[in-house]
Amino acid sequence: MKEKVKEEFIASFEKAMIRAGATNYEQGMAQTIRAVTLAYSAMRRIRTQDELRKALDRLEPMSRSEERLALFFIRFLPQIVRILFRNVAKQADRELPSLHGGRPRVASPDKARTILDYIGDLHRKGCTFKVAKQRASMKFGCSHRTIERLWAKRHGIDEHDPTIQDVLVYLANG
C-alpha cells in the first residue's frame, strides 16, 4: 500500500474512533476489543445446550418472579434485540456523522474521462464545444447539465476519491 494512502487510512480510522466517543485510536481499539471479547467469551461458554445447562446450574438460585422475568425475557428475546438495535441506531443517527449527502456521481472517473476525451476529440476535429457537448450528451445518455458539470470539473476528476456506491459495488464484486 502506498505510504500516503496508508496514512489517510489510519487518520480516517482514528477520526471514526474519536467520533464514536474515544479520545484517540488506541483507546477506541481497546474499547472495541473489550466489547467484542466480552460478547465472544459469553457466547463461547454456551455454544451447546449442555454448556447452557451447566451455565444455568452455576447461577445463584432465583426467586419465582426472577424466573418468570427471565423466561419472559428469553421468549421475547428477538423483539427485545430488535428494540435495542433500533435504539442504538437512533443514538448512532444522532451522534455519528451522516454519509455524504451530495449528488450521486453520474459517471465514474473512467467514464468521465472517456466523455471528456470524446468532447476534446470532436473539438480537435473542428466541432464547436457546444456541439461536441451536445453529441457527448446523446452518445453517453447524460443530460446536458451533467456534461457541463463534468466539463467544468475536468481538471479535478480524481480516480482515488470513490463514492459510497463505488465502494459497495467493489465489495459486492470482490
N, C-alpha and C. Protein backbone atom coordinates (compact mmCIF):
# COMPACT_ATOMS: atom_id res chain seq x y z
N MET A 1 0.85 -1.17 0.00
CA MET A 1 0.00 0.00 0.00
C MET A 1 0.90 1.24 0.00
N LYS A 2 0.51 2.23 -0.79
CA LYS A 2 1.28 3.46 -0.84
C LYS A 2 1.26 4.15 0.52
N GLU A 3 2.38 4.79 0.87
CA GLU A 3 2.52 5.44 2.17
C GLU A 3 1.43 6.49 2.41
N LYS A 4 1.15 7.30 1.40
CA LYS A 4 0.14 8.35 1.55
C LYS A 4 -1.23 7.76 1.82
N VAL A 5 -1.59 6.72 1.07
CA VAL A 5 -2.89 6.07 1.23
C VAL A 5 -2.97 5.42 2.61
N LYS A 6 -1.87 4.80 3.02
CA LYS A 6 -1.84 4.15 4.33
C LYS A 6 -2.08 5.18 5.44
N GLU A 7 -1.43 6.33 5.36
CA GLU A 7 -1.60 7.37 6.38
C GLU A 7 -3.01 7.94 6.36
N GLU A 8 -3.61 8.10 5.17
CA GLU A 8 -5.00 8.56 5.08
C GLU A 8 -5.94 7.55 5.73
N PHE A 9 -5.66 6.27 5.49
CA PHE A 9 -6.46 5.20 6.07
C PHE A 9 -6.41 5.25 7.60
N ILE A 10 -5.20 5.40 8.14
CA ILE A 10 -5.02 5.44 9.59
C ILE A 10 -5.71 6.67 10.18
N ALA A 11 -5.54 7.82 9.54
CA ALA A 11 -6.17 9.05 10.04
C ALA A 11 -7.69 8.93 10.01
N SER A 12 -8.25 8.35 8.97
CA SER A 12 -9.70 8.18 8.87
C SER A 12 -10.21 7.22 9.95
N PHE A 13 -9.46 6.16 10.19
CA PHE A 13 -9.84 5.20 11.20
C PHE A 13 -9.84 5.84 12.58
N GLU A 14 -8.80 6.64 12.86
CA GLU A 14 -8.73 7.32 14.16
C GLU A 14 -9.86 8.33 14.31
N LYS A 15 -10.17 9.05 13.24
CA LYS A 15 -11.26 10.02 13.29
C LYS A 15 -12.59 9.31 13.60
N ALA A 16 -12.79 8.13 13.02
CA ALA A 16 -14.00 7.37 13.28
C ALA A 16 -14.07 6.94 14.74
N MET A 17 -12.94 6.53 15.30
CA MET A 17 -12.90 6.13 16.71
C MET A 17 -13.25 7.32 17.62
N ILE A 18 -12.74 8.48 17.29
CA ILE A 18 -13.00 9.68 18.09
C ILE A 18 -14.46 10.07 17.99
N ARG A 19 -15.04 9.98 16.79
CA ARG A 19 -16.46 10.29 16.61
C ARG A 19 -17.34 9.34 17.41
N ALA A 20 -16.86 8.12 17.61
CA ALA A 20 -17.62 7.12 18.36
C ALA A 20 -17.45 7.29 19.87
N GLY A 21 -16.61 8.25 20.31
CA GLY A 21 -16.51 8.54 21.73
C GLY A 21 -15.16 8.32 22.36
N ALA A 22 -14.21 7.75 21.65
CA ALA A 22 -12.88 7.53 22.22
C ALA A 22 -12.07 8.83 22.15
N THR A 23 -11.03 8.90 22.97
CA THR A 23 -10.18 10.10 22.92
C THR A 23 -9.10 9.98 21.86
N ASN A 24 -8.75 8.74 21.50
CA ASN A 24 -7.76 8.53 20.43
C ASN A 24 -7.93 7.11 19.86
N TYR A 25 -7.11 6.79 18.90
CA TYR A 25 -7.20 5.50 18.22
C TYR A 25 -7.02 4.34 19.19
N GLU A 26 -5.98 4.41 20.01
CA GLU A 26 -5.65 3.31 20.92
C GLU A 26 -6.79 3.04 21.90
N GLN A 27 -7.36 4.11 22.46
CA GLN A 27 -8.46 3.93 23.40
C GLN A 27 -9.68 3.33 22.69
N GLY A 28 -9.97 3.79 21.48
CA GLY A 28 -11.09 3.26 20.71
C GLY A 28 -10.92 1.78 20.41
N MET A 29 -9.71 1.39 20.02
CA MET A 29 -9.47 -0.02 19.74
C MET A 29 -9.57 -0.86 21.01
N ALA A 30 -9.06 -0.32 22.13
CA ALA A 30 -9.14 -1.06 23.39
C ALA A 30 -10.60 -1.28 23.79
N GLN A 31 -11.44 -0.24 23.64
CA GLN A 31 -12.86 -0.38 23.98
C GLN A 31 -13.54 -1.39 23.06
N THR A 32 -13.24 -1.32 21.78
CA THR A 32 -13.83 -2.24 20.81
C THR A 32 -13.42 -3.68 21.12
N ILE A 33 -12.15 -3.87 21.41
CA ILE A 33 -11.65 -5.22 21.71
C ILE A 33 -12.30 -5.77 22.98
N ARG A 34 -12.45 -4.92 24.01
CA ARG A 34 -13.09 -5.37 25.25
C ARG A 34 -14.53 -5.80 24.99
N ALA A 35 -15.27 -5.01 24.23
CA ALA A 35 -16.68 -5.32 23.96
C ALA A 35 -16.81 -6.61 23.16
N VAL A 36 -16.01 -6.75 22.12
CA VAL A 36 -16.07 -7.95 21.28
C VAL A 36 -15.63 -9.18 22.07
N THR A 37 -14.57 -9.03 22.87
CA THR A 37 -14.07 -10.15 23.67
C THR A 37 -15.11 -10.61 24.68
N LEU A 38 -15.76 -9.66 25.34
CA LEU A 38 -16.78 -9.99 26.33
C LEU A 38 -17.93 -10.76 25.67
N ALA A 39 -18.42 -10.25 24.55
CA ALA A 39 -19.52 -10.93 23.85
C ALA A 39 -19.09 -12.30 23.35
N TYR A 40 -17.87 -12.39 22.82
CA TYR A 40 -17.36 -13.66 22.29
C TYR A 40 -17.21 -14.70 23.40
N SER A 41 -16.63 -14.29 24.52
CA SER A 41 -16.42 -15.26 25.61
C SER A 41 -17.76 -15.72 26.20
N ALA A 42 -18.72 -14.80 26.30
CA ALA A 42 -20.04 -15.18 26.81
C ALA A 42 -20.70 -16.20 25.88
N MET A 43 -20.62 -15.98 24.59
CA MET A 43 -21.25 -16.88 23.63
C MET A 43 -20.52 -18.23 23.56
N ARG A 44 -19.20 -18.22 23.71
CA ARG A 44 -18.44 -19.48 23.65
C ARG A 44 -18.80 -20.39 24.82
N ARG A 45 -19.16 -19.79 25.96
CA ARG A 45 -19.49 -20.60 27.14
C ARG A 45 -20.83 -21.31 27.00
N ILE A 46 -21.67 -20.91 26.04
CA ILE A 46 -22.98 -21.54 25.89
C ILE A 46 -23.23 -21.99 24.45
N ARG A 47 -22.19 -22.50 23.80
CA ARG A 47 -22.32 -22.93 22.40
C ARG A 47 -23.31 -24.06 22.21
N THR A 48 -23.35 -24.97 23.15
CA THR A 48 -24.27 -26.11 23.02
C THR A 48 -25.33 -26.03 24.12
N GLN A 49 -26.36 -26.83 23.98
CA GLN A 49 -27.41 -26.86 25.00
C GLN A 49 -26.85 -27.37 26.33
N ASP A 50 -25.93 -28.36 26.29
CA ASP A 50 -25.33 -28.87 27.53
C ASP A 50 -24.52 -27.79 28.23
N GLU A 51 -23.77 -26.99 27.46
CA GLU A 51 -22.98 -25.91 28.06
C GLU A 51 -23.90 -24.85 28.66
N LEU A 52 -25.04 -24.60 28.00
CA LEU A 52 -26.02 -23.66 28.56
C LEU A 52 -26.59 -24.21 29.86
N ARG A 53 -26.88 -25.52 29.90
CA ARG A 53 -27.38 -26.13 31.14
C ARG A 53 -26.38 -25.95 32.28
N LYS A 54 -25.10 -26.20 31.99
CA LYS A 54 -24.06 -26.05 33.01
C LYS A 54 -23.97 -24.60 33.49
N ALA A 55 -24.06 -23.64 32.55
CA ALA A 55 -24.00 -22.22 32.93
C ALA A 55 -25.19 -21.86 33.81
N LEU A 56 -26.38 -22.40 33.48
CA LEU A 56 -27.56 -22.12 34.29
C LEU A 56 -27.44 -22.76 35.68
N ASP A 57 -26.79 -23.94 35.76
CA ASP A 57 -26.58 -24.60 37.06
C ASP A 57 -25.66 -23.77 37.96
N ARG A 58 -24.75 -23.00 37.37
CA ARG A 58 -23.81 -22.20 38.15
C ARG A 58 -24.43 -20.90 38.68
N LEU A 59 -25.63 -20.54 38.19
CA LEU A 59 -26.27 -19.31 38.65
C LEU A 59 -26.77 -19.45 40.09
N GLU A 60 -26.85 -18.32 40.76
CA GLU A 60 -27.45 -18.28 42.10
C GLU A 60 -28.93 -18.66 41.97
N PRO A 61 -29.50 -19.24 43.00
CA PRO A 61 -30.93 -19.57 42.94
C PRO A 61 -31.76 -18.29 42.73
N MET A 62 -32.81 -18.43 41.90
CA MET A 62 -33.66 -17.29 41.59
C MET A 62 -35.01 -17.45 42.28
N SER A 63 -35.60 -16.31 42.57
CA SER A 63 -36.96 -16.33 43.11
C SER A 63 -37.92 -16.68 41.97
N ARG A 64 -39.15 -16.98 42.33
CA ARG A 64 -40.15 -17.33 41.30
C ARG A 64 -40.36 -16.15 40.35
N SER A 65 -40.41 -14.93 40.86
CA SER A 65 -40.62 -13.77 39.99
C SER A 65 -39.40 -13.54 39.08
N GLU A 66 -38.19 -13.79 39.57
CA GLU A 66 -36.99 -13.66 38.72
C GLU A 66 -36.99 -14.71 37.61
N GLU A 67 -37.42 -15.92 37.96
CA GLU A 67 -37.50 -16.98 36.94
C GLU A 67 -38.50 -16.59 35.86
N ARG A 68 -39.68 -16.10 36.28
CA ARG A 68 -40.71 -15.70 35.30
C ARG A 68 -40.20 -14.55 34.44
N LEU A 69 -39.51 -13.61 35.05
CA LEU A 69 -38.95 -12.49 34.30
C LEU A 69 -37.90 -12.97 33.29
N ALA A 70 -37.04 -13.89 33.71
CA ALA A 70 -36.01 -14.43 32.82
C ALA A 70 -36.64 -15.18 31.64
N LEU A 71 -37.66 -15.99 31.92
CA LEU A 71 -38.35 -16.73 30.86
C LEU A 71 -39.05 -15.76 29.90
N PHE A 72 -39.67 -14.74 30.45
CA PHE A 72 -40.31 -13.72 29.61
C PHE A 72 -39.26 -13.08 28.69
N PHE A 73 -38.13 -12.74 29.28
CA PHE A 73 -37.05 -12.10 28.50
C PHE A 73 -36.59 -13.01 27.37
N ILE A 74 -36.42 -14.29 27.66
CA ILE A 74 -35.95 -15.23 26.64
C ILE A 74 -36.99 -15.43 25.54
N ARG A 75 -38.27 -15.54 25.93
CA ARG A 75 -39.33 -15.73 24.94
C ARG A 75 -39.42 -14.56 23.96
N PHE A 76 -39.18 -13.37 24.49
CA PHE A 76 -39.28 -12.18 23.66
C PHE A 76 -37.91 -11.61 23.26
N LEU A 77 -36.89 -12.46 23.33
CA LEU A 77 -35.53 -12.01 23.02
C LEU A 77 -35.41 -11.40 21.62
N PRO A 78 -35.99 -12.01 20.57
CA PRO A 78 -35.87 -11.38 19.25
C PRO A 78 -36.46 -9.97 19.21
N GLN A 79 -37.61 -9.79 19.83
CA GLN A 79 -38.23 -8.47 19.85
C GLN A 79 -37.40 -7.49 20.68
N ILE A 80 -36.88 -7.96 21.80
CA ILE A 80 -36.07 -7.10 22.65
C ILE A 80 -34.79 -6.68 21.93
N VAL A 81 -34.16 -7.64 21.26
CA VAL A 81 -32.94 -7.32 20.49
C VAL A 81 -33.27 -6.31 19.40
N ARG A 82 -34.41 -6.49 18.76
CA ARG A 82 -34.82 -5.55 17.72
C ARG A 82 -35.00 -4.14 18.29
N ILE A 83 -35.63 -4.04 19.45
CA ILE A 83 -35.82 -2.73 20.08
C ILE A 83 -34.47 -2.13 20.47
N LEU A 84 -33.58 -2.96 21.02
CA LEU A 84 -32.25 -2.47 21.39
C LEU A 84 -31.49 -1.96 20.17
N PHE A 85 -31.54 -2.73 19.07
CA PHE A 85 -30.86 -2.29 17.85
C PHE A 85 -31.46 -0.99 17.32
N ARG A 86 -32.78 -0.88 17.40
CA ARG A 86 -33.43 0.35 16.94
C ARG A 86 -32.96 1.54 17.78
N ASN A 87 -32.88 1.35 19.09
CA ASN A 87 -32.41 2.44 19.96
C ASN A 87 -30.94 2.78 19.70
N VAL A 88 -30.13 1.77 19.48
CA VAL A 88 -28.72 2.02 19.16
C VAL A 88 -28.62 2.76 17.83
N ALA A 89 -29.44 2.36 16.86
CA ALA A 89 -29.43 3.04 15.56
C ALA A 89 -29.86 4.50 15.69
N LYS A 90 -30.87 4.76 16.52
CA LYS A 90 -31.30 6.14 16.73
C LYS A 90 -30.20 6.97 17.38
N GLN A 91 -29.53 6.37 18.36
CA GLN A 91 -28.44 7.08 19.02
C GLN A 91 -27.29 7.33 18.04
N ALA A 92 -26.96 6.33 17.24
CA ALA A 92 -25.91 6.50 16.24
C ALA A 92 -26.30 7.56 15.23
N ASP A 93 -27.57 7.59 14.86
CA ASP A 93 -28.06 8.59 13.92
C ASP A 93 -27.90 10.00 14.48
N ARG A 94 -28.13 10.14 15.78
CA ARG A 94 -27.98 11.46 16.42
C ARG A 94 -26.52 11.84 16.60
N GLU A 95 -25.66 10.88 16.93
CA GLU A 95 -24.32 11.21 17.37
C GLU A 95 -23.22 11.03 16.33
N LEU A 96 -23.40 10.13 15.40
CA LEU A 96 -22.36 9.88 14.40
C LEU A 96 -22.61 10.71 13.16
N PRO A 97 -21.55 11.06 12.44
CA PRO A 97 -21.73 11.87 11.24
C PRO A 97 -22.48 11.09 10.17
N SER A 98 -23.26 11.80 9.38
CA SER A 98 -24.02 11.15 8.31
C SER A 98 -23.13 10.96 7.08
N LEU A 99 -23.62 10.13 6.19
CA LEU A 99 -22.91 9.92 4.93
C LEU A 99 -23.00 11.19 4.09
N HIS A 100 -22.09 11.30 3.16
CA HIS A 100 -22.07 12.46 2.28
C HIS A 100 -23.41 12.54 1.55
N GLY A 101 -24.09 13.65 1.70
CA GLY A 101 -25.42 13.78 1.13
C GLY A 101 -25.45 14.44 -0.23
N GLY A 102 -24.31 14.54 -0.85
CA GLY A 102 -24.25 15.20 -2.14
C GLY A 102 -24.88 14.39 -3.25
N ARG A 103 -24.93 14.99 -4.41
CA ARG A 103 -25.48 14.35 -5.59
C ARG A 103 -24.64 13.11 -5.92
N PRO A 104 -25.30 11.98 -6.21
CA PRO A 104 -24.52 10.81 -6.59
C PRO A 104 -23.84 11.03 -7.94
N ARG A 105 -22.70 10.44 -8.07
CA ARG A 105 -21.93 10.58 -9.30
C ARG A 105 -22.66 9.91 -10.46
N VAL A 106 -22.80 10.62 -11.57
CA VAL A 106 -23.44 10.05 -12.75
C VAL A 106 -22.44 9.17 -13.49
N ALA A 107 -21.19 9.58 -13.46
CA ALA A 107 -20.17 8.85 -14.20
C ALA A 107 -18.99 8.57 -13.28
N SER A 108 -18.45 7.36 -13.42
CA SER A 108 -17.22 7.03 -12.69
C SER A 108 -16.09 7.88 -13.27
N PRO A 109 -14.98 7.98 -12.56
CA PRO A 109 -13.86 8.75 -13.11
C PRO A 109 -13.44 8.27 -14.51
N ASP A 110 -13.45 6.95 -14.72
CA ASP A 110 -13.07 6.43 -16.05
C ASP A 110 -14.06 6.86 -17.12
N LYS A 111 -15.36 6.75 -16.80
CA LYS A 111 -16.38 7.16 -17.77
C LYS A 111 -16.31 8.67 -18.01
N ALA A 112 -16.07 9.44 -16.95
CA ALA A 112 -15.96 10.89 -17.10
C ALA A 112 -14.80 11.24 -18.02
N ARG A 113 -13.68 10.55 -17.84
CA ARG A 113 -12.52 10.81 -18.72
C ARG A 113 -12.84 10.45 -20.17
N THR A 114 -13.57 9.35 -20.35
CA THR A 114 -13.97 8.95 -21.71
C THR A 114 -14.85 10.03 -22.34
N ILE A 115 -15.80 10.53 -21.57
CA ILE A 115 -16.69 11.60 -22.07
C ILE A 115 -15.88 12.84 -22.42
N LEU A 116 -14.98 13.23 -21.53
CA LEU A 116 -14.17 14.43 -21.76
C LEU A 116 -13.24 14.24 -22.95
N ASP A 117 -12.66 13.04 -23.09
CA ASP A 117 -11.81 12.77 -24.26
C ASP A 117 -12.62 12.85 -25.55
N TYR A 118 -13.85 12.34 -25.51
CA TYR A 118 -14.73 12.39 -26.68
C TYR A 118 -14.99 13.84 -27.09
N ILE A 119 -15.29 14.69 -26.11
CA ILE A 119 -15.54 16.11 -26.39
C ILE A 119 -14.28 16.76 -26.97
N GLY A 120 -13.14 16.46 -26.34
CA GLY A 120 -11.88 17.03 -26.83
C GLY A 120 -11.56 16.59 -28.25
N ASP A 121 -11.77 15.30 -28.54
CA ASP A 121 -11.52 14.79 -29.90
C ASP A 121 -12.40 15.48 -30.93
N LEU A 122 -13.69 15.63 -30.60
CA LEU A 122 -14.59 16.32 -31.54
C LEU A 122 -14.17 17.77 -31.76
N HIS A 123 -13.74 18.42 -30.68
CA HIS A 123 -13.31 19.82 -30.81
C HIS A 123 -12.05 19.92 -31.68
N ARG A 124 -11.12 18.98 -31.50
CA ARG A 124 -9.90 18.98 -32.33
C ARG A 124 -10.22 18.73 -33.80
N LYS A 125 -11.33 18.04 -34.06
CA LYS A 125 -11.74 17.76 -35.43
C LYS A 125 -12.57 18.88 -36.04
N GLY A 126 -12.75 19.97 -35.26
CA GLY A 126 -13.42 21.14 -35.82
C GLY A 126 -14.80 21.44 -35.27
N CYS A 127 -15.33 20.62 -34.39
CA CYS A 127 -16.63 20.89 -33.77
C CYS A 127 -16.48 22.02 -32.76
N THR A 128 -17.53 22.78 -32.60
CA THR A 128 -17.53 23.75 -31.51
C THR A 128 -17.74 22.99 -30.22
N PHE A 129 -17.37 23.59 -29.10
CA PHE A 129 -17.58 22.92 -27.82
C PHE A 129 -19.06 22.66 -27.57
N LYS A 130 -19.90 23.60 -27.98
CA LYS A 130 -21.33 23.45 -27.75
C LYS A 130 -21.86 22.20 -28.46
N VAL A 131 -21.48 22.02 -29.73
CA VAL A 131 -21.94 20.85 -30.49
C VAL A 131 -21.30 19.57 -29.94
N ALA A 132 -20.01 19.63 -29.58
CA ALA A 132 -19.31 18.46 -29.04
C ALA A 132 -19.98 18.00 -27.74
N LYS A 133 -20.36 18.95 -26.91
CA LYS A 133 -21.02 18.60 -25.65
C LYS A 133 -22.41 18.01 -25.90
N GLN A 134 -23.13 18.55 -26.88
CA GLN A 134 -24.44 18.01 -27.22
C GLN A 134 -24.32 16.58 -27.72
N ARG A 135 -23.32 16.32 -28.57
CA ARG A 135 -23.10 14.96 -29.08
C ARG A 135 -22.72 14.00 -27.95
N ALA A 136 -21.88 14.47 -27.03
CA ALA A 136 -21.48 13.64 -25.90
C ALA A 136 -22.70 13.30 -25.04
N SER A 137 -23.57 14.28 -24.85
CA SER A 137 -24.78 14.08 -24.08
C SER A 137 -25.63 12.97 -24.70
N MET A 138 -25.79 13.00 -26.00
CA MET A 138 -26.59 11.98 -26.69
C MET A 138 -25.89 10.63 -26.68
N LYS A 139 -24.58 10.63 -26.96
CA LYS A 139 -23.85 9.36 -27.04
C LYS A 139 -23.80 8.63 -25.70
N PHE A 140 -23.57 9.36 -24.61
CA PHE A 140 -23.38 8.72 -23.31
C PHE A 140 -24.64 8.72 -22.44
N GLY A 141 -25.75 9.24 -22.97
CA GLY A 141 -27.01 9.20 -22.24
C GLY A 141 -27.03 10.04 -20.97
N CYS A 142 -26.33 11.16 -21.00
CA CYS A 142 -26.31 12.07 -19.86
C CYS A 142 -27.02 13.36 -20.24
N SER A 143 -27.48 14.07 -19.24
CA SER A 143 -28.10 15.35 -19.52
C SER A 143 -27.03 16.37 -19.92
N HIS A 144 -27.47 17.41 -20.59
CA HIS A 144 -26.54 18.48 -20.98
C HIS A 144 -25.91 19.10 -19.74
N ARG A 145 -26.69 19.23 -18.68
CA ARG A 145 -26.18 19.81 -17.43
C ARG A 145 -25.07 18.93 -16.83
N THR A 146 -25.24 17.62 -16.92
CA THR A 146 -24.20 16.71 -16.42
C THR A 146 -22.91 16.88 -17.21
N ILE A 147 -23.05 16.97 -18.52
CA ILE A 147 -21.87 17.17 -19.37
C ILE A 147 -21.19 18.49 -19.01
N GLU A 148 -21.97 19.53 -18.81
CA GLU A 148 -21.40 20.83 -18.42
C GLU A 148 -20.68 20.74 -17.08
N ARG A 149 -21.28 20.01 -16.15
CA ARG A 149 -20.67 19.85 -14.83
C ARG A 149 -19.34 19.09 -14.94
N LEU A 150 -19.33 18.01 -15.73
CA LEU A 150 -18.09 17.27 -15.94
C LEU A 150 -17.02 18.15 -16.61
N TRP A 151 -17.45 18.92 -17.60
CA TRP A 151 -16.50 19.77 -18.31
C TRP A 151 -15.92 20.83 -17.36
N ALA A 152 -16.77 21.39 -16.52
CA ALA A 152 -16.30 22.42 -15.59
C ALA A 152 -15.30 21.85 -14.58
N LYS A 153 -15.45 20.59 -14.25
CA LYS A 153 -14.57 19.97 -13.25
C LYS A 153 -13.54 19.05 -13.89
N ARG A 154 -13.27 19.25 -15.18
CA ARG A 154 -12.42 18.31 -15.90
C ARG A 154 -11.01 18.20 -15.33
N HIS A 155 -10.50 19.23 -14.67
CA HIS A 155 -9.15 19.17 -14.13
C HIS A 155 -9.13 18.55 -12.74
N GLY A 156 -10.29 18.37 -12.13
CA GLY A 156 -10.35 17.86 -10.76
C GLY A 156 -10.91 16.47 -10.63
N ILE A 157 -11.04 15.74 -11.72
CA ILE A 157 -11.57 14.39 -11.65
C ILE A 157 -10.49 13.52 -11.03
N ASP A 158 -10.83 12.94 -9.86
CA ASP A 158 -9.85 12.18 -9.10
C ASP A 158 -10.26 10.72 -9.05
N GLU A 159 -9.43 9.87 -9.57
CA GLU A 159 -9.75 8.45 -9.58
C GLU A 159 -9.60 7.83 -8.20
N HIS A 160 -8.97 8.53 -7.26
CA HIS A 160 -8.74 7.97 -5.93
C HIS A 160 -9.74 8.50 -4.92
N ASP A 161 -10.88 8.98 -5.37
CA ASP A 161 -11.91 9.51 -4.49
C ASP A 161 -13.22 8.78 -4.77
N PRO A 162 -13.33 7.50 -4.32
CA PRO A 162 -14.52 6.72 -4.66
C PRO A 162 -15.75 7.19 -3.89
N THR A 163 -16.89 7.00 -4.50
CA THR A 163 -18.15 7.30 -3.82
C THR A 163 -18.55 6.06 -3.01
N ILE A 164 -19.58 6.21 -2.20
CA ILE A 164 -20.08 5.09 -1.41
C ILE A 164 -20.58 3.99 -2.35
N GLN A 165 -21.21 4.41 -3.43
CA GLN A 165 -21.69 3.43 -4.41
C GLN A 165 -20.52 2.66 -5.02
N ASP A 166 -19.40 3.35 -5.33
CA ASP A 166 -18.22 2.66 -5.87
C ASP A 166 -17.72 1.60 -4.89
N VAL A 167 -17.70 1.95 -3.60
CA VAL A 167 -17.22 1.01 -2.58
C VAL A 167 -18.16 -0.17 -2.46
N LEU A 168 -19.47 0.06 -2.47
CA LEU A 168 -20.42 -1.04 -2.37
C LEU A 168 -20.33 -1.96 -3.57
N VAL A 169 -20.17 -1.41 -4.76
CA VAL A 169 -20.02 -2.24 -5.97
C VAL A 169 -18.74 -3.07 -5.85
N TYR A 170 -17.66 -2.44 -5.39
CA TYR A 170 -16.39 -3.14 -5.23
C TYR A 170 -16.53 -4.29 -4.23
N LEU A 171 -17.18 -4.05 -3.09
CA LEU A 171 -17.36 -5.08 -2.07
C LEU A 171 -18.24 -6.21 -2.58
N ALA A 172 -19.29 -5.86 -3.33
CA ALA A 172 -20.20 -6.88 -3.85
C ALA A 172 -19.52 -7.78 -4.88
N ASN A 173 -18.59 -7.21 -5.65
CA ASN A 173 -17.93 -7.97 -6.71
C ASN A 173 -16.62 -8.61 -6.26
N GLY A 174 -16.13 -8.18 -5.11
CA GLY A 174 -14.79 -8.60 -4.79
C GLY A 174 -14.60 -9.51 -3.68
